[in-house]
Amino acid sequence: MLKQSDLQQLGSKLGIHKVGVAAVNNIAPDHLNEWLNRGYHGQMSYMERNQEKRLDPRELLPGACSIISIFVNYHQGEVYPALDGVISKYARGVDYHIVLKDMLHELAAQVHKKQAEGLTRKQRAQLYRVFVDSAPVMEKYWARLAGIGWQGKHTNMITREFGSWGLLGEIITTESFDHYSIEVPDFCGSCKACIDACPTEAITEPYMVDGSKCIAYATIELAPDFDIPINLQDKMDHWIFGCDICQDVCPWNRFAKPSEVQAFIPTDGLRKSGVPDFLKMDEAKFNELYSSTPLERPGLMGLRRNQAVRNRSKR
């Protein structure tokens, strides 16, 4: 049996801002099914697949008993006017998948030090598995149960200490803990600033987002060979990757603190020169500058499409 006190100490040493743990259980399918039935996933067809794994972590790791959740603050103290309203804050530095996976693998190795001694890599994979937004894991659900924070009306995870400027990751383990985290209450109250501020009305009701109407979906998830719907183009303003509006207006982000994680500082090019003209950039230059960053997700073709929409809206 593992100790939660050890988990907290190790997490802090590794620069993880919040860590908690929840006991594995089955997730009721109602909310997910309602979201899918409304078509709010748009072209994110992967959300329809692997439902059994999404709702029961034991399908991802047989014998799973606990899920460790982490929250890593990515907020930057310095303001970057050339980037704000154009590229989401989380996407300006190194790809968060790389950053968080390194943290999680080290945390998992330390937490399971005794249990994993002498095990091969394949055997360790039967003891624990690490995930960062790369498998059918309901990360916000588990973060809430692990006491990280609560899911706001914009559906992002909010913490009292850091607001919502954070990224999530998980370790699913077959080990039990001496005790589990206490779930944090919902502190959104009657506030609906995020709902009122969303330019595309993607937050259709509290705690329910129509992904197909979200600017982040249109600029990241929508395949580059698809046109962004006209009804969204007119409301995208200058955004070409993601959207921070619902977080910018959240009152809890008054408590945001600058992150010590250097990897989240904008790349040299973005920090010094601002957003480049992707329409004039070739693939070789793009790969040189933006491989291993979140901008690689839509790729050069997606960013060209997004920037073309932005340029039209500026006329």
C-alpha atoms as a PDB file:
ATOM      1  CA  MET A   1       0.000   0.000   0.000  1.00  0.00           C
ATOM      2  CA  LEU A   2       1.308   3.445  -0.954  1.00  0.00           C
ATOM      3  CA  LYS A   3       1.273   6.547   1.253  1.00  0.00           C
ATOM      4  CA  GLN A   4      -0.412   9.715   0.064  1.00  0.00           C
ATOM      5  CA  SER A   5       2.015  11.796   2.163  1.00  0.00           C
ATOM      6  CA  ASP A   6       4.898  10.375   0.086  1.00  0.00           C
ATOM      7  CA  LEU A   7       3.017  11.230  -3.091  1.00  0.00           C
ATOM      8  CA  GLN A   8       2.566  14.848  -2.028  1.00  0.00           C
ATOM      9  CA  GLN A   9       6.229  15.276  -1.079  1.00  0.00           C
ATOM     10  CA  LEU A  10       7.493  13.718  -4.292  1.00  0.00           C
ATOM     11  CA  GLY A  11       5.147  15.777  -6.414  1.00  0.00           C
ATOM     12  CA  SER A  12       6.346  18.982  -4.809  1.00  0.00           C
ATOM     13  CA  LYS A  13      10.024  18.054  -5.361  1.00  0.00           C
ATOM     14  CA  LEU A  14       9.339  17.435  -9.050  1.00  0.00           C
ATOM     15  CA  GLY A  15       7.728  20.854  -9.557  1.00  0.00           C
ATOM     16  CA  ILE A  16       4.196  19.501  -9.830  1.00  0.00           C
ATOM     17  CA  HIS A  17       1.856  22.165  -8.504  1.00  0.00           C
ATOM     18  CA  LYS A  18      -1.003  19.923  -7.362  1.00  0.00           C
ATOM     19  CA  VAL A  19      -1.260  16.168  -6.979  1.00  0.00           C
ATOM     20  CA  GLY A  20      -4.043  13.975  -5.635  1.00  0.00           C
ATOM     21  CA  VAL A  21      -5.318  10.427  -5.854  1.00  0.00           C
ATOM     22  CA  ALA A  22      -8.712   8.799  -6.286  1.00  0.00           C
ATOM     23  CA  ALA A  23      -9.893   5.207  -5.989  1.00  0.00           C
ATOM     24  CA  VAL A  24     -10.853   3.606  -9.303  1.00  0.00           C
ATOM     25  CA  ASN A  25     -14.544   3.206 -10.021  1.00  0.00           C
ATOM     26  CA  ASN A  26     -16.863   2.979 -13.008  1.00  0.00           C
ATOM     27  CA  ILE A  27     -17.960   6.302 -14.466  1.00  0.00           C
ATOM     28  CA  ALA A  28     -21.675   6.723 -15.142  1.00  0.00           C
ATOM     29  CA  PRO A  29     -22.085   7.172 -18.904  1.00  0.00           C
ATOM     30  CA  ASP A  30     -24.984   9.638 -18.795  1.00  0.00           C
ATOM     31  CA  HIS A  31     -23.131  12.955 -19.209  1.00  0.00           C
ATOM     32  CA  LEU A  32     -20.772  11.631 -21.899  1.00  0.00           C
ATOM     33  CA  ASN A  33     -23.621  10.015 -23.822  1.00  0.00           C
ATOM     34  CA  GLU A  34     -25.668  13.207 -23.670  1.00  0.00           C
ATOM     35  CA  TRP A  35     -22.726  15.211 -25.022  1.00  0.00           C
ATOM     36  CA  LEU A  36     -22.157  12.715 -27.842  1.00  0.00           C
ATOM     37  CA  ASN A  37     -25.856  12.422 -28.691  1.00  0.00           C
ATOM     38  CA  ARG A  38     -26.042  16.181 -29.131  1.00  0.00           C
ATOM     39  CA  GLY A  39     -23.176  15.985 -31.624  1.00  0.00           C
ATOM     40  CA  TYR A  40     -21.041  18.312 -29.543  1.00  0.00           C
ATOM     41  CA  HIS A  41     -17.900  16.360 -30.427  1.00  0.00           C
ATOM     42  CA  GLY A  42     -18.086  17.567 -34.040  1.00  0.00           C
ATOM     43  CA  GLN A  43     -15.443  15.713 -36.066  1.00  0.00           C
ATOM     44  CA  MET A  44     -13.651  14.424 -32.960  1.00  0.00           C
ATOM     45  CA  SER A  45     -14.709  10.870 -33.795  1.00  0.00           C
ATOM     46  CA  TYR A  46     -12.169   9.466 -31.309  1.00  0.00           C
ATOM     47  CA  MET A  47     -14.565  10.552 -28.545  1.00  0.00           C
ATOM     48  CA  GLU A  48     -17.036   7.942 -29.797  1.00  0.00           C
ATOM     49  CA  ARG A  49     -14.512   5.131 -29.659  1.00  0.00           C
ATOM     50  CA  ASN A  50     -13.276   3.027 -26.743  1.00  0.00           C
ATOM     51  CA  GLN A  51     -16.217   3.876 -24.507  1.00  0.00           C
ATOM     52  CA  GLU A  52     -15.528   0.919 -22.236  1.00  0.00           C
ATOM     53  CA  LYS A  53     -11.973   2.172 -21.615  1.00  0.00           C
ATOM     54  CA  ARG A  54     -13.147   5.747 -21.137  1.00  0.00           C
ATOM     55  CA  LEU A  55     -15.633   4.714 -18.466  1.00  0.00           C
ATOM     56  CA  ASP A  56     -13.574   2.054 -16.684  1.00  0.00           C
ATOM     57  CA  PRO A  57      -9.788   2.550 -16.237  1.00  0.00           C
ATOM     58  CA  ARG A  58      -9.414  -1.161 -15.511  1.00  0.00           C
ATOM     59  CA  GLU A  59      -9.846  -1.657 -19.252  1.00  0.00           C
ATOM     60  CA  LEU A  60      -6.621   0.331 -19.707  1.00  0.00           C
ATOM     61  CA  LEU A  61      -4.784  -1.370 -16.843  1.00  0.00           C
ATOM     62  CA  PRO A  62      -6.218  -4.648 -15.521  1.00  0.00           C
ATOM     63  CA  GLY A  63      -6.372  -4.645 -11.738  1.00  0.00           C
ATOM     64  CA  ALA A  64      -6.177  -0.829 -11.479  1.00  0.00           C
ATOM     65  CA  CYS A  65      -6.983   0.410  -7.984  1.00  0.00           C
ATOM     66  CA  SER A  66      -5.984   4.089  -7.972  1.00  0.00           C
ATOM     67  CA  ILE A  67      -5.578   7.075 -10.287  1.00  0.00           C
ATOM     68  CA  ILE A  68      -3.039   9.763  -9.445  1.00  0.00           C
ATOM     69  CA  SER A  69      -3.864  13.138 -11.008  1.00  0.00           C
ATOM     70  CA  ILE A  70      -1.503  16.064 -11.401  1.00  0.00           C
ATOM     71  CA  PHE A  71      -2.067  19.738 -12.219  1.00  0.00           C
ATOM     72  CA  VAL A  72       0.843  21.743 -13.621  1.00  0.00           C
ATOM     73  CA  ASN A  73       0.502  25.520 -13.756  1.00  0.00           C
ATOM     74  CA  TYR A  74       1.535  27.044 -17.100  1.00  0.00           C
ATOM     75  CA  HIS A  75       0.599  30.681 -16.457  1.00  0.00           C
ATOM     76  CA  GLN A  76       3.236  33.231 -17.461  1.00  0.00           C
ATOM     77  CA  GLY A  77       3.816  36.366 -15.429  1.00  0.00           C
ATOM     78  CA  GLU A  78       4.999  38.352 -18.429  1.00  0.00           C
ATOM     79  CA  VAL A  79       2.383  39.703 -20.810  1.00  0.00           C
ATOM     80  CA  TYR A  80       2.872  39.102 -24.540  1.00  0.00           C
ATOM     81  CA  PRO A  81       0.524  41.498 -26.399  1.00  0.00           C
ATOM     82  CA  ALA A  82       1.514  40.141 -29.824  1.00  0.00           C
ATOM     83  CA  LEU A  83       0.423  36.628 -28.787  1.00  0.00           C
ATOM     84  CA  ASP A  84      -2.595  37.332 -26.601  1.00  0.00           C
ATOM     85  CA  GLY A  85      -5.838  36.733 -28.461  1.00  0.00           C
ATOM     86  CA  VAL A  86      -3.935  34.868 -31.180  1.00  0.00           C
ATOM     87  CA  ILE A  87      -2.249  31.772 -29.702  1.00  0.00           C
ATOM     88  CA  SER A  88      -3.474  30.148 -26.481  1.00  0.00           C
ATOM     89  CA  LYS A  89      -1.143  30.601 -23.536  1.00  0.00           C
ATOM     90  CA  TYR A  90      -0.471  26.884 -23.100  1.00  0.00           C
ATOM     91  CA  ALA A  91       0.707  26.497 -26.701  1.00  0.00           C
ATOM     92  CA  ARG A  92       3.568  28.984 -26.852  1.00  0.00           C
ATOM     93  CA  GLY A  93       6.400  26.850 -25.489  1.00  0.00           C
ATOM     94  CA  VAL A  94       7.359  23.175 -25.455  1.00  0.00           C
ATOM     95  CA  ASP A  95       4.583  20.643 -26.072  1.00  0.00           C
ATOM     96  CA  TYR A  96       2.969  19.977 -22.688  1.00  0.00           C
ATOM     97  CA  HIS A  97       2.713  16.260 -23.469  1.00  0.00           C
ATOM     98  CA  ILE A  98       6.503  16.062 -23.310  1.00  0.00           C
ATOM     99  CA  VAL A  99       6.779  18.182 -20.148  1.00  0.00           C
ATOM    100  CA  LEU A 100       4.086  16.395 -18.151  1.00  0.00           C
ATOM    101  CA  LYS A 101       5.052  12.892 -19.269  1.00  0.00           C
ATOM    102  CA  ASP A 102       8.583  13.452 -17.996  1.00  0.00           C
ATOM    103  CA  MET A 103       7.176  14.586 -14.649  1.00  0.00           C
ATOM    104  CA  LEU A 104       4.721  11.696 -14.460  1.00  0.00           C
ATOM    105  CA  HIS A 105       7.242   8.994 -15.334  1.00  0.00           C
ATOM    106  CA  GLU A 106       9.621  10.283 -12.668  1.00  0.00           C
ATOM    107  CA  LEU A 107       6.800  10.554 -10.119  1.00  0.00           C
ATOM    108  CA  ALA A 108       5.571   7.049 -10.951  1.00  0.00           C
ATOM    109  CA  ALA A 109       9.073   5.593 -10.672  1.00  0.00           C
ATOM    110  CA  GLN A 110       9.608   7.211  -7.285  1.00  0.00           C
ATOM    111  CA  VAL A 111       6.172   6.329  -5.891  1.00  0.00           C
ATOM    112  CA  HIS A 112       6.530   2.684  -6.984  1.00  0.00           C
ATOM    113  CA  LYS A 113      10.223   2.404  -6.135  1.00  0.00           C
ATOM    114  CA  LYS A 114       9.850  -0.665  -3.903  1.00  0.00           C
ATOM    115  CA  GLN A 115       7.152  -2.338  -5.988  1.00  0.00           C
ATOM    116  CA  ALA A 116       9.007  -1.824  -9.291  1.00  0.00           C
ATOM    117  CA  GLU A 117      12.441  -2.919  -8.111  1.00  0.00           C
ATOM    118  CA  GLY A 118      13.874  -5.510 -10.485  1.00  0.00           C
ATOM    119  CA  LEU A 119      10.931  -5.311 -12.912  1.00  0.00           C
ATOM    120  CA  THR A 120      11.381  -5.012 -16.653  1.00  0.00           C
ATOM    121  CA  ARG A 121       9.736  -2.155 -18.554  1.00  0.00           C
ATOM    122  CA  LYS A 122       6.996  -4.519 -19.705  1.00  0.00           C
ATOM    123  CA  GLN A 123       6.365  -5.675 -16.149  1.00  0.00           C
ATOM    124  CA  ARG A 124       6.244  -2.080 -14.882  1.00  0.00           C
ATOM    125  CA  ALA A 125       3.549  -1.408 -17.498  1.00  0.00           C
ATOM    126  CA  GLN A 126       1.428  -3.996 -15.685  1.00  0.00           C
ATOM    127  CA  LEU A 127       1.964  -2.103 -12.411  1.00  0.00           C
ATOM    128  CA  TYR A 128       1.278   1.439 -13.579  1.00  0.00           C
ATOM    129  CA  ARG A 129       0.684   3.453 -16.746  1.00  0.00           C
ATOM    130  CA  VAL A 130       1.170   7.144 -17.488  1.00  0.00           C
ATOM    131  CA  PHE A 131      -1.236   9.261 -19.556  1.00  0.00           C
ATOM    132  CA  VAL A 132      -1.256  12.847 -20.817  1.00  0.00           C
ATOM    133  CA  ASP A 133      -4.223  13.542 -23.055  1.00  0.00           C
ATOM    134  CA  SER A 134      -3.235  10.584 -25.227  1.00  0.00           C
ATOM    135  CA  ALA A 135      -5.720   7.840 -24.338  1.00  0.00           C
ATOM    136  CA  PRO A 136      -9.414   7.516 -23.492  1.00  0.00           C
ATOM    137  CA  VAL A 137      -9.037   8.793 -19.929  1.00  0.00           C
ATOM    138  CA  MET A 138     -11.648  11.143 -18.424  1.00  0.00           C
ATOM    139  CA  GLU A 139      -8.956  13.375 -16.983  1.00  0.00           C
ATOM    140  CA  LYS A 140     -11.188  16.129 -15.600  1.00  0.00           C
ATOM    141  CA  TYR A 141     -13.425  13.617 -13.852  1.00  0.00           C
ATOM    142  CA  TRP A 142     -10.469  11.992 -12.122  1.00  0.00           C
ATOM    143  CA  ALA A 143      -8.824  15.313 -11.288  1.00  0.00           C
ATOM    144  CA  ARG A 144     -12.023  16.388  -9.553  1.00  0.00           C
ATOM    145  CA  LEU A 145     -12.223  13.159  -7.533  1.00  0.00           C
ATOM    146  CA  ALA A 146      -8.530  13.517  -6.684  1.00  0.00           C
ATOM    147  CA  GLY A 147      -9.175  16.886  -5.063  1.00  0.00           C
ATOM    148  CA  ILE A 148      -7.263  18.902  -7.673  1.00  0.00           C
ATOM    149  CA  GLY A 149     -10.128  21.349  -8.107  1.00  0.00           C
ATOM    150  CA  TRP A 150     -13.593  21.562  -9.600  1.00  0.00           C
ATOM    151  CA  GLN A 151     -14.800  21.605 -13.193  1.00  0.00           C
ATOM    152  CA  GLY A 152     -16.005  25.100 -13.979  1.00  0.00           C
ATOM    153  CA  LYS A 153     -19.002  26.036 -16.070  1.00  0.00           C
ATOM    154  CA  HIS A 154     -16.614  26.330 -19.030  1.00  0.00           C
ATOM    155  CA  THR A 155     -15.642  22.677 -18.195  1.00  0.00           C
ATOM    156  CA  ASN A 156     -11.989  23.573 -17.482  1.00  0.00           C
ATOM    157  CA  MET A 157     -10.483  22.484 -14.173  1.00  0.00           C
ATOM    158  CA  ILE A 158     -10.298  25.359 -11.658  1.00  0.00           C
ATOM    159  CA  THR A 159      -8.114  25.405  -8.554  1.00  0.00           C
ATOM    160  CA  ARG A 160      -8.299  27.838  -5.656  1.00  0.00           C
ATOM    161  CA  GLU A 161      -4.524  28.269  -5.687  1.00  0.00           C
ATOM    162  CA  PHE A 162      -3.780  28.764  -9.390  1.00  0.00           C
ATOM    163  CA  GLY A 163      -7.089  29.393 -11.127  1.00  0.00           C
ATOM    164  CA  SER A 164      -7.579  27.390 -14.317  1.00  0.00           C
ATOM    165  CA  TRP A 165      -4.239  27.934 -16.077  1.00  0.00           C
ATOM    166  CA  GLY A 166      -3.138  24.325 -15.650  1.00  0.00           C
ATOM    167  CA  LEU A 167      -2.558  21.059 -17.506  1.00  0.00           C
ATOM    168  CA  LEU A 168      -3.585  17.602 -16.323  1.00  0.00           C
ATOM    169  CA  GLY A 169      -1.960  14.179 -16.382  1.00  0.00           C
ATOM    170  CA  GLU A 170      -2.593  10.807 -14.775  1.00  0.00           C
ATOM    171  CA  ILE A 171      -0.913   7.687 -13.436  1.00  0.00           C
ATOM    172  CA  ILE A 172      -3.154   4.646 -13.286  1.00  0.00           C
ATOM    173  CA  THR A 173      -1.770   2.118 -10.816  1.00  0.00           C
ATOM    174  CA  THR A 174      -2.665  -1.306  -9.457  1.00  0.00           C
ATOM    175  CA  GLU A 175      -1.516  -0.126  -6.015  1.00  0.00           C
ATOM    176  CA  SER A 176      -3.853   1.147  -3.295  1.00  0.00           C
ATOM    177  CA  PHE A 177      -3.197   4.163  -1.057  1.00  0.00           C
ATOM    178  CA  ASP A 178      -3.508   4.488   2.706  1.00  0.00           C
ATOM    179  CA  HIS A 179      -6.126   7.178   2.103  1.00  0.00           C
ATOM    180  CA  TYR A 180      -7.582   9.080  -0.827  1.00  0.00           C
ATOM    181  CA  SER A 181      -8.064  12.754  -1.590  1.00  0.00           C
ATOM    182  CA  ILE A 182     -11.171  14.703  -0.643  1.00  0.00           C
ATOM    183  CA  GLU A 183     -13.209  16.098  -3.523  1.00  0.00           C
ATOM    184  CA  VAL A 184     -13.240  19.911  -3.762  1.00  0.00           C
ATOM    185  CA  PRO A 185     -16.673  21.618  -3.844  1.00  0.00           C
ATOM    186  CA  ASP A 186     -17.804  23.661  -6.836  1.00  0.00           C
ATOM    187  CA  PHE A 187     -17.013  27.338  -6.152  1.00  0.00           C
ATOM    188  CA  CYS A 188     -18.425  28.808  -9.361  1.00  0.00           C
ATOM    189  CA  GLY A 189     -21.599  29.842  -7.558  1.00  0.00           C
ATOM    190  CA  SER A 190     -23.926  31.999  -9.635  1.00  0.00           C
ATOM    191  CA  CYS A 191     -21.105  33.372 -11.819  1.00  0.00           C
ATOM    192  CA  LYS A 192     -21.585  32.923 -15.553  1.00  0.00           C
ATOM    193  CA  ALA A 193     -18.829  35.193 -16.859  1.00  0.00           C
ATOM    194  CA  CYS A 194     -17.457  32.453 -19.112  1.00  0.00           C
ATOM    195  CA  ILE A 195     -20.875  31.735 -20.606  1.00  0.00           C
ATOM    196  CA  ASP A 196     -21.539  35.398 -21.312  1.00  0.00           C
ATOM    197  CA  ALA A 197     -18.082  36.008 -22.795  1.00  0.00           C
ATOM    198  CA  CYS A 198     -17.930  33.112 -25.263  1.00  0.00           C
ATOM    199  CA  PRO A 199     -18.248  34.756 -28.712  1.00  0.00           C
ATOM    200  CA  THR A 200     -19.610  31.622 -30.401  1.00  0.00           C
ATOM    201  CA  GLU A 201     -21.995  30.627 -27.578  1.00  0.00           C
ATOM    202  CA  ALA A 202     -20.196  27.294 -27.380  1.00  0.00           C
ATOM    203  CA  ILE A 203     -21.031  26.984 -23.646  1.00  0.00           C
ATOM    204  CA  THR A 204     -24.632  26.023 -24.279  1.00  0.00           C
ATOM    205  CA  GLU A 205     -25.421  25.674 -20.572  1.00  0.00           C
ATOM    206  CA  PRO A 206     -23.358  25.462 -17.387  1.00  0.00           C
ATOM    207  CA  TYR A 207     -20.890  22.535 -17.573  1.00  0.00           C
ATOM    208  CA  MET A 208     -21.784  21.704 -21.184  1.00  0.00           C
ATOM    209  CA  VAL A 209     -19.693  22.845 -24.179  1.00  0.00           C
ATOM    210  CA  ASP A 210     -20.603  22.317 -27.807  1.00  0.00           C
ATOM    211  CA  GLY A 211     -17.121  21.465 -29.054  1.00  0.00           C
ATOM    212  CA  SER A 212     -18.139  21.956 -32.675  1.00  0.00           C
ATOM    213  CA  LYS A 213     -18.811  25.660 -31.949  1.00  0.00           C
ATOM    214  CA  CYS A 214     -15.624  26.251 -29.952  1.00  0.00           C
ATOM    215  CA  ILE A 215     -12.841  28.371 -31.479  1.00  0.00           C
ATOM    216  CA  ALA A 216     -10.256  25.976 -30.047  1.00  0.00           C
ATOM    217  CA  TYR A 217     -11.934  23.079 -31.846  1.00  0.00           C
ATOM    218  CA  ALA A 218     -12.090  25.007 -35.122  1.00  0.00           C
ATOM    219  CA  THR A 219      -8.423  26.032 -35.027  1.00  0.00           C
ATOM    220  CA  ILE A 220      -6.918  22.809 -33.627  1.00  0.00           C
ATOM    221  CA  GLU A 221      -9.188  19.779 -33.971  1.00  0.00           C
ATOM    222  CA  LEU A 222     -10.796  20.521 -37.341  1.00  0.00           C
ATOM    223  CA  ALA A 223      -8.690  18.814 -40.011  1.00  0.00           C
ATOM    224  CA  PRO A 224      -6.726  21.286 -42.199  1.00  0.00           C
ATOM    225  CA  ASP A 225      -8.518  20.198 -45.353  1.00  0.00           C
ATOM    226  CA  PHE A 226     -11.868  21.314 -43.910  1.00  0.00           C
ATOM    227  CA  ASP A 227     -13.003  24.920 -44.037  1.00  0.00           C
ATOM    228  CA  ILE A 228     -13.877  26.560 -40.748  1.00  0.00           C
ATOM    229  CA  PRO A 229     -17.679  27.046 -40.708  1.00  0.00           C
ATOM    230  CA  ILE A 230     -18.745  30.532 -41.792  1.00  0.00           C
ATOM    231  CA  ASN A 231     -20.719  31.088 -38.584  1.00  0.00           C
ATOM    232  CA  LEU A 232     -17.479  30.628 -36.614  1.00  0.00           C
ATOM    233  CA  GLN A 233     -15.213  32.573 -38.967  1.00  0.00           C
ATOM    234  CA  ASP A 234     -17.073  35.795 -38.244  1.00  0.00           C
ATOM    235  CA  LYS A 235     -16.515  35.377 -34.481  1.00  0.00           C
ATOM    236  CA  MET A 236     -12.921  34.152 -34.311  1.00  0.00           C
ATOM    237  CA  ASP A 237     -11.390  37.628 -34.123  1.00  0.00           C
ATOM    238  CA  HIS A 238      -7.578  37.117 -34.278  1.00  0.00           C
ATOM    239  CA  TRP A 239      -7.346  33.582 -32.904  1.00  0.00           C
ATOM    240  CA  ILE A 240      -5.317  31.125 -34.996  1.00  0.00           C
ATOM    241  CA  PHE A 241      -4.620  28.482 -32.321  1.00  0.00           C
ATOM    242  CA  GLY A 242      -7.005  27.813 -29.475  1.00  0.00           C
ATOM    243  CA  CYS A 243      -8.925  30.374 -27.443  1.00  0.00           C
ATOM    244  CA  ASP A 244      -8.457  31.696 -23.889  1.00  0.00           C
ATOM    245  CA  ILE A 245     -11.529  33.910 -23.595  1.00  0.00           C
ATOM    246  CA  CYS A 246     -13.493  31.796 -21.102  1.00  0.00           C
ATOM    247  CA  GLN A 247     -10.417  31.591 -18.871  1.00  0.00           C
ATOM    248  CA  ASP A 248      -9.432  35.234 -19.278  1.00  0.00           C
ATOM    249  CA  VAL A 249     -12.761  36.333 -17.774  1.00  0.00           C
ATOM    250  CA  CYS A 250     -12.862  33.745 -14.964  1.00  0.00           C
ATOM    251  CA  PRO A 251     -12.689  35.535 -11.576  1.00  0.00           C
ATOM    252  CA  TRP A 252     -10.675  32.670 -10.105  1.00  0.00           C
ATOM    253  CA  ASN A 253      -7.790  33.521 -12.417  1.00  0.00           C
ATOM    254  CA  ARG A 254      -7.147  36.604 -10.306  1.00  0.00           C
ATOM    255  CA  PHE A 255      -5.256  34.130  -8.138  1.00  0.00           C
ATOM    256  CA  ALA A 256      -3.050  32.909 -10.988  1.00  0.00           C
ATOM    257  CA  LYS A 257       0.668  32.708 -10.226  1.00  0.00           C
ATOM    258  CA  PRO A 258       3.566  32.622 -12.707  1.00  0.00           C
ATOM    259  CA  SER A 259       4.768  29.081 -13.393  1.00  0.00           C
ATOM    260  CA  GLU A 260       8.344  28.125 -12.601  1.00  0.00           C
ATOM    261  CA  VAL A 261       8.331  25.618 -15.474  1.00  0.00           C
ATOM    262  CA  GLN A 262      10.713  27.124 -18.017  1.00  0.00           C
ATOM    263  CA  ALA A 263       9.407  24.937 -20.846  1.00  0.00           C
ATOM    264  CA  PHE A 264       6.166  26.954 -20.919  1.00  0.00           C
ATOM    265  CA  ILE A 265       7.940  30.235 -21.705  1.00  0.00           C
ATOM    266  CA  PRO A 266       7.177  31.180 -25.331  1.00  0.00           C
ATOM    267  CA  THR A 267       9.745  30.052 -27.878  1.00  0.00           C
ATOM    268  CA  ASP A 268      12.405  32.568 -28.842  1.00  0.00           C
ATOM    269  CA  GLY A 269      10.750  33.318 -32.152  1.00  0.00           C
ATOM    270  CA  LEU A 270       7.301  33.960 -30.697  1.00  0.00           C
ATOM    271  CA  ARG A 271       8.667  35.924 -27.760  1.00  0.00           C
ATOM    272  CA  LYS A 272      10.891  38.197 -29.820  1.00  0.00           C
ATOM    273  CA  SER A 273       9.081  38.500 -33.155  1.00  0.00           C
ATOM    274  CA  GLY A 274       5.470  37.636 -32.418  1.00  0.00           C
ATOM    275  CA  VAL A 275       3.293  35.468 -34.631  1.00  0.00           C
ATOM    276  CA  PRO A 276       4.943  34.687 -37.995  1.00  0.00           C
ATOM    277  CA  ASP A 277       3.252  34.751 -41.371  1.00  0.00           C
ATOM    278  CA  PHE A 278       2.517  31.044 -41.777  1.00  0.00           C
ATOM    279  CA  LEU A 279       1.140  31.701 -45.252  1.00  0.00           C
ATOM    280  CA  LYS A 280       4.696  32.504 -46.395  1.00  0.00           C
ATOM    281  CA  MET A 281       6.475  29.793 -44.383  1.00  0.00           C
ATOM    282  CA  ASP A 282       7.558  26.469 -45.869  1.00  0.00           C
ATOM    283  CA  GLU A 283       7.345  23.050 -44.208  1.00  0.00           C
ATOM    284  CA  ALA A 284      11.079  22.813 -43.511  1.00  0.00           C
ATOM    285  CA  LYS A 285      11.125  26.122 -41.619  1.00  0.00           C
ATOM    286  CA  PHE A 286       7.942  25.244 -39.755  1.00  0.00           C
ATOM    287  CA  ASN A 287       9.378  21.909 -38.623  1.00  0.00           C
ATOM    288  CA  GLU A 288      12.603  23.597 -37.566  1.00  0.00           C
ATOM    289  CA  LEU A 289      10.787  26.144 -35.421  1.00  0.00           C
ATOM    290  CA  TYR A 290       7.667  24.364 -34.158  1.00  0.00           C
ATOM    291  CA  SER A 291       8.228  20.634 -33.965  1.00  0.00           C
ATOM    292  CA  SER A 292       7.863  19.607 -30.295  1.00  0.00           C
ATOM    293  CA  THR A 293       5.424  22.477 -29.700  1.00  0.00           C
ATOM    294  CA  PRO A 294       1.606  22.324 -29.598  1.00  0.00           C
ATOM    295  CA  LEU A 295       1.507  24.201 -32.920  1.00  0.00           C
ATOM    296  CA  GLU A 296       2.576  20.952 -34.551  1.00  0.00           C
ATOM    297  CA  ARG A 297      -0.928  19.576 -33.900  1.00  0.00           C
ATOM    298  CA  PRO A 298      -2.782  21.481 -36.672  1.00  0.00           C
ATOM    299  CA  GLY A 299       0.477  21.691 -38.606  1.00  0.00           C
ATOM    300  CA  LEU A 300       1.459  24.318 -41.117  1.00  0.00           C
ATOM    301  CA  MET A 301      -1.581  23.670 -43.324  1.00  0.00           C
ATOM    302  CA  GLY A 302      -3.999  24.145 -40.427  1.00  0.00           C
ATOM    303  CA  LEU A 303      -2.292  27.333 -39.272  1.00  0.00           C
ATOM    304  CA  ARG A 304      -2.308  28.699 -42.806  1.00  0.00           C
ATOM    305  CA  ARG A 305      -6.059  28.103 -43.008  1.00  0.00           C
ATOM    306  CA  ASN A 306      -6.611  29.736 -39.617  1.00  0.00           C
ATOM    307  CA  GLN A 307      -4.434  32.720 -40.413  1.00  0.00           C
ATOM    308  CA  ALA A 308      -6.183  33.235 -43.741  1.00  0.00           C
ATOM    309  CA  VAL A 309      -9.508  33.419 -41.881  1.00  0.00           C
ATOM    310  CA  ARG A 310      -7.992  35.903 -39.425  1.00  0.00           C
ATOM    311  CA  ASN A 311      -6.631  38.047 -42.256  1.00  0.00           C
ATOM    312  CA  ARG A 312     -10.030  38.162 -43.975  1.00  0.00           C
ATOM    313  CA  SER A 313     -11.748  39.197 -40.748  1.00  0.00           C
ATOM    314  CA  LYS A 314      -9.275  42.084 -40.300  1.00  0.00           C
ATOM    315  CA  ARG A 315     -10.250  43.695 -43.604  1.00  0.00           C
END
